[in-house]
Amino acid sequence: MPDSIDFHVKNIQSKLQLLLKKHALLLKENEQLKKENQAFKMSEKTLLEKTEQLQQQVNILKTSAGQLEGKEKIDFEKNINRYIRSIDKCIGILNK
């Protein structure tokens, strides 16, 4: 009987060690995936900013060529007004 208990205890210890190793590996993998996720988010943010800049350049070119119409023109005017308000706020802060 004692051999049977020892066998079960060793078997449980062996399985526990295996689980601990798997846990450690999963923690490392999780950390790596978090880093990759953060890098992808930064890349996405950079690409979205670049896309917005390029869209603004397209709108400026269309405006200078007189080709903005409809919704594009309204959106462009909204952006210009937003920039003007932002500049006015900055000027107001500087004047205080």
N, C-alpha and C. Protein backbone atom coordinates (compact mmCIF):
# COMPACT_ATOMS: atom_id res chain seq x y z
N MET A 1 0.79 -1.20 0.00
CA MET A 1 0.00 0.00 0.00
C MET A 1 0.84 1.27 0.00
N PRO A 2 1.89 1.41 0.83
CA PRO A 2 2.69 2.63 0.83
C PRO A 2 3.30 2.91 -0.54
N ASP A 3 3.67 1.86 -1.27
CA ASP A 3 4.24 2.08 -2.61
C ASP A 3 3.20 2.73 -3.52
N SER A 4 1.97 2.34 -3.35
CA SER A 4 0.89 2.89 -4.16
C SER A 4 0.71 4.39 -3.86
N ILE A 5 0.78 4.76 -2.59
CA ILE A 5 0.65 6.16 -2.20
C ILE A 5 1.83 6.96 -2.73
N ASP A 6 3.03 6.41 -2.57
CA ASP A 6 4.23 7.08 -3.09
C ASP A 6 4.13 7.28 -4.60
N PHE A 7 3.63 6.24 -5.27
CA PHE A 7 3.49 6.33 -6.73
C PHE A 7 2.52 7.47 -7.09
N HIS A 8 1.40 7.54 -6.40
CA HIS A 8 0.41 8.59 -6.68
C HIS A 8 0.95 9.97 -6.36
N VAL A 9 1.67 10.09 -5.25
CA VAL A 9 2.25 11.38 -4.88
C VAL A 9 3.26 11.82 -5.94
N LYS A 10 4.12 10.90 -6.37
CA LYS A 10 5.11 11.23 -7.40
C LYS A 10 4.42 11.57 -8.72
N ASN A 11 3.36 10.85 -9.02
CA ASN A 11 2.60 11.13 -10.24
C ASN A 11 1.98 12.54 -10.18
N ILE A 12 1.42 12.88 -9.04
CA ILE A 12 0.83 14.21 -8.86
C ILE A 12 1.92 15.28 -8.94
N GLN A 13 3.06 15.04 -8.32
CA GLN A 13 4.17 16.00 -8.37
C GLN A 13 4.65 16.18 -9.80
N SER A 14 4.73 15.09 -10.51
CA SER A 14 5.17 15.16 -11.92
C SER A 14 4.19 16.00 -12.74
N LYS A 15 2.91 15.75 -12.56
CA LYS A 15 1.89 16.51 -13.29
C LYS A 15 1.91 17.97 -12.87
N LEU A 16 2.13 18.22 -11.60
CA LEU A 16 2.20 19.59 -11.11
C LEU A 16 3.39 20.33 -11.72
N GLN A 17 4.53 19.68 -11.80
CA GLN A 17 5.71 20.29 -12.42
C GLN A 17 5.45 20.61 -13.89
N LEU A 18 4.79 19.67 -14.56
CA LEU A 18 4.45 19.88 -15.97
C LEU A 18 3.51 21.09 -16.12
N LEU A 19 2.52 21.18 -15.24
CA LEU A 19 1.59 22.31 -15.28
C LEU A 19 2.31 23.63 -14.99
N LEU A 20 3.23 23.61 -14.05
CA LEU A 20 3.99 24.82 -13.73
C LEU A 20 4.84 25.27 -14.92
N LYS A 21 5.44 24.32 -15.62
CA LYS A 21 6.24 24.65 -16.81
C LYS A 21 5.34 25.24 -17.91
N LYS A 22 4.18 24.61 -18.11
CA LYS A 22 3.25 25.12 -19.12
C LYS A 22 2.76 26.52 -18.74
N HIS A 23 2.51 26.71 -17.46
CA HIS A 23 2.07 28.02 -16.98
C HIS A 23 3.13 29.08 -17.26
N ALA A 24 4.37 28.76 -16.97
CA ALA A 24 5.46 29.71 -17.22
C ALA A 24 5.57 30.03 -18.72
N LEU A 25 5.46 29.01 -19.55
CA LEU A 25 5.51 29.23 -20.99
C LEU A 25 4.34 30.10 -21.47
N LEU A 26 3.16 29.84 -20.92
CA LEU A 26 2.00 30.64 -21.30
C LEU A 26 2.15 32.09 -20.84
N LEU A 27 2.74 32.30 -19.68
CA LEU A 27 2.99 33.67 -19.22
C LEU A 27 3.93 34.41 -20.17
N LYS A 28 4.99 33.72 -20.60
CA LYS A 28 5.92 34.33 -21.55
C LYS A 28 5.23 34.63 -22.88
N GLU A 29 4.44 33.67 -23.34
CA GLU A 29 3.73 33.87 -24.60
C GLU A 29 2.74 35.03 -24.49
N ASN A 30 2.05 35.10 -23.36
CA ASN A 30 1.10 36.19 -23.13
C ASN A 30 1.81 37.54 -23.14
N GLU A 31 2.95 37.62 -22.51
CA GLU A 31 3.71 38.87 -22.49
C GLU A 31 4.15 39.26 -23.90
N GLN A 32 4.60 38.28 -24.67
CA GLN A 32 5.02 38.54 -26.04
C GLN A 32 3.84 39.03 -26.88
N LEU A 33 2.69 38.39 -26.70
CA LEU A 33 1.49 38.80 -27.45
C LEU A 33 1.04 40.20 -27.06
N LYS A 34 1.18 40.55 -25.80
CA LYS A 34 0.85 41.91 -25.36
C LYS A 34 1.76 42.93 -26.04
N LYS A 35 3.06 42.60 -26.13
CA LYS A 35 4.00 43.50 -26.79
C LYS A 35 3.65 43.65 -28.27
N GLU A 36 3.35 42.53 -28.93
CA GLU A 36 2.98 42.58 -30.34
C GLU A 36 1.69 43.40 -30.53
N ASN A 37 0.73 43.19 -29.65
CA ASN A 37 -0.53 43.93 -29.72
C ASN A 37 -0.27 45.43 -29.59
N GLN A 38 0.58 45.81 -28.65
CA GLN A 38 0.91 47.22 -28.46
C GLN A 38 1.58 47.79 -29.71
N ALA A 39 2.49 47.00 -30.29
CA ALA A 39 3.18 47.45 -31.52
C ALA A 39 2.18 47.62 -32.66
N PHE A 40 1.23 46.70 -32.78
CA PHE A 40 0.21 46.81 -33.83
C PHE A 40 -0.67 48.03 -33.60
N LYS A 41 -1.01 48.31 -32.35
CA LYS A 41 -1.83 49.48 -32.06
C LYS A 41 -1.09 50.76 -32.43
N MET A 42 0.21 50.82 -32.12
CA MET A 42 1.00 52.00 -32.48
C MET A 42 1.08 52.14 -33.99
N SER A 43 1.28 51.02 -34.67
CA SER A 43 1.36 51.04 -36.12
C SER A 43 0.03 51.49 -36.72
N GLU A 44 -1.07 50.99 -36.17
CA GLU A 44 -2.38 51.39 -36.66
C GLU A 44 -2.60 52.88 -36.45
N LYS A 45 -2.21 53.37 -35.28
CA LYS A 45 -2.37 54.80 -34.99
C LYS A 45 -1.57 55.64 -35.98
N THR A 46 -0.34 55.22 -36.24
CA THR A 46 0.52 55.94 -37.18
C THR A 46 -0.09 55.93 -38.58
N LEU A 47 -0.59 54.78 -38.99
CA LEU A 47 -1.19 54.68 -40.32
C LEU A 47 -2.47 55.52 -40.43
N LEU A 48 -3.26 55.53 -39.37
CA LEU A 48 -4.48 56.35 -39.39
C LEU A 48 -4.14 57.83 -39.47
N GLU A 49 -3.11 58.25 -38.73
CA GLU A 49 -2.69 59.65 -38.78
C GLU A 49 -2.19 60.01 -40.18
N LYS A 50 -1.40 59.10 -40.76
CA LYS A 50 -0.88 59.34 -42.10
C LYS A 50 -2.02 59.42 -43.12
N THR A 51 -3.00 58.52 -42.97
CA THR A 51 -4.16 58.53 -43.86
C THR A 51 -4.92 59.84 -43.74
N GLU A 52 -5.09 60.32 -42.52
CA GLU A 52 -5.79 61.59 -42.30
C GLU A 52 -5.02 62.74 -42.94
N GLN A 53 -3.70 62.74 -42.78
CA GLN A 53 -2.89 63.79 -43.39
C GLN A 53 -3.01 63.77 -44.90
N LEU A 54 -2.95 62.57 -45.47
CA LEU A 54 -3.06 62.45 -46.92
C LEU A 54 -4.44 62.89 -47.41
N GLN A 55 -5.48 62.55 -46.65
CA GLN A 55 -6.82 62.98 -47.02
C GLN A 55 -6.93 64.50 -46.98
N GLN A 56 -6.31 65.10 -45.98
CA GLN A 56 -6.32 66.56 -45.90
C GLN A 56 -5.59 67.18 -47.08
N GLN A 57 -4.48 66.55 -47.47
CA GLN A 57 -3.74 67.06 -48.63
C GLN A 57 -4.58 66.94 -49.90
N VAL A 58 -5.28 65.84 -50.04
CA VAL A 58 -6.16 65.65 -51.20
C VAL A 58 -7.23 66.74 -51.20
N ASN A 59 -7.82 66.99 -50.03
CA ASN A 59 -8.86 68.02 -49.95
C ASN A 59 -8.31 69.40 -50.28
N ILE A 60 -7.11 69.69 -49.81
CA ILE A 60 -6.49 70.98 -50.12
C ILE A 60 -6.25 71.12 -51.61
N LEU A 61 -5.75 70.04 -52.21
CA LEU A 61 -5.51 70.08 -53.65
C LEU A 61 -6.82 70.25 -54.43
N LYS A 62 -7.85 69.52 -53.99
CA LYS A 62 -9.14 69.65 -54.66
C LYS A 62 -9.70 71.06 -54.49
N THR A 63 -9.54 71.61 -53.29
CA THR A 63 -10.03 72.97 -53.03
C THR A 63 -9.31 73.97 -53.92
N SER A 64 -7.99 73.83 -53.99
CA SER A 64 -7.23 74.78 -54.81
C SER A 64 -7.57 74.64 -56.29
N ALA A 65 -7.99 73.46 -56.70
CA ALA A 65 -8.37 73.25 -58.09
C ALA A 65 -9.87 73.47 -58.30
N GLY A 66 -10.59 73.80 -57.21
CA GLY A 66 -12.02 74.05 -57.31
C GLY A 66 -12.83 72.80 -57.55
N GLN A 67 -12.36 71.63 -57.08
CA GLN A 67 -13.05 70.38 -57.37
C GLN A 67 -13.79 69.78 -56.17
N LEU A 68 -13.81 70.46 -55.04
CA LEU A 68 -14.53 69.93 -53.88
C LEU A 68 -16.02 70.17 -54.06
N GLU A 69 -16.79 69.14 -53.79
CA GLU A 69 -18.23 69.25 -53.93
C GLU A 69 -18.93 68.53 -52.78
N GLY A 70 -20.12 68.97 -52.49
CA GLY A 70 -21.01 68.27 -51.56
C GLY A 70 -20.41 68.01 -50.19
N LYS A 71 -20.46 66.76 -49.78
CA LYS A 71 -20.02 66.35 -48.45
C LYS A 71 -18.54 66.64 -48.22
N GLU A 72 -17.72 66.43 -49.23
CA GLU A 72 -16.28 66.71 -49.09
C GLU A 72 -16.05 68.18 -48.73
N LYS A 73 -16.79 69.06 -49.39
CA LYS A 73 -16.64 70.50 -49.14
C LYS A 73 -17.08 70.84 -47.73
N ILE A 74 -18.20 70.28 -47.31
CA ILE A 74 -18.71 70.53 -45.96
C ILE A 74 -17.72 70.01 -44.91
N ASP A 75 -17.21 68.79 -45.11
CA ASP A 75 -16.23 68.22 -44.17
C ASP A 75 -14.96 69.06 -44.13
N PHE A 76 -14.51 69.51 -45.28
CA PHE A 76 -13.31 70.34 -45.33
C PHE A 76 -13.53 71.65 -44.58
N GLU A 77 -14.69 72.27 -44.79
CA GLU A 77 -15.00 73.52 -44.09
C GLU A 77 -15.08 73.30 -42.58
N LYS A 78 -15.64 72.17 -42.16
CA LYS A 78 -15.69 71.85 -40.73
C LYS A 78 -14.28 71.72 -40.15
N ASN A 79 -13.40 71.04 -40.89
CA ASN A 79 -12.01 70.90 -40.43
C ASN A 79 -11.33 72.26 -40.32
N ILE A 80 -11.52 73.10 -41.32
CA ILE A 80 -10.92 74.44 -41.29
C ILE A 80 -11.45 75.21 -40.10
N ASN A 81 -12.76 75.16 -39.86
CA ASN A 81 -13.35 75.85 -38.72
C ASN A 81 -12.82 75.31 -37.39
N ARG A 82 -12.63 73.99 -37.33
CA ARG A 82 -12.08 73.38 -36.12
C ARG A 82 -10.65 73.89 -35.88
N TYR A 83 -9.86 73.97 -36.93
CA TYR A 83 -8.49 74.48 -36.81
C TYR A 83 -8.49 75.95 -36.36
N ILE A 84 -9.40 76.73 -36.93
CA ILE A 84 -9.48 78.15 -36.57
C ILE A 84 -9.86 78.30 -35.10
N ARG A 85 -10.84 77.50 -34.63
CA ARG A 85 -11.22 77.55 -33.21
C ARG A 85 -10.04 77.17 -32.32
N SER A 86 -9.30 76.15 -32.72
CA SER A 86 -8.14 75.72 -31.95
C SER A 86 -7.08 76.82 -31.89
N ILE A 87 -6.84 77.48 -33.01
CA ILE A 87 -5.88 78.59 -33.06
C ILE A 87 -6.36 79.74 -32.19
N ASP A 88 -7.66 80.04 -32.25
CA ASP A 88 -8.23 81.11 -31.41
C ASP A 88 -8.05 80.80 -29.93
N LYS A 89 -8.26 79.54 -29.55
CA LYS A 89 -8.07 79.15 -28.15
C LYS A 89 -6.61 79.35 -27.72
N CYS A 90 -5.69 78.96 -28.59
CA CYS A 90 -4.27 79.13 -28.30
C CYS A 90 -3.91 80.61 -28.13
N ILE A 91 -4.43 81.43 -29.02
CA ILE A 91 -4.19 82.87 -28.94
C ILE A 91 -4.77 83.42 -27.65
N GLY A 92 -5.97 82.95 -27.30
CA GLY A 92 -6.58 83.39 -26.03
C GLY A 92 -5.75 83.01 -24.83
N ILE A 93 -5.19 81.84 -24.83
CA ILE A 93 -4.33 81.38 -23.73
C ILE A 93 -3.07 82.22 -23.66
N LEU A 94 -2.49 82.52 -24.82
CA LEU A 94 -1.27 83.33 -24.86
C LEU A 94 -1.50 84.77 -24.39
N ASN A 95 -2.71 85.28 -24.61
CA ASN A 95 -3.03 86.65 -24.23
C ASN A 95 -3.30 86.81 -22.74
N LYS A 96 -3.50 85.73 -22.03
CA LYS A 96 -3.80 85.82 -20.58
C LYS A 96 -2.60 86.20 -19.78
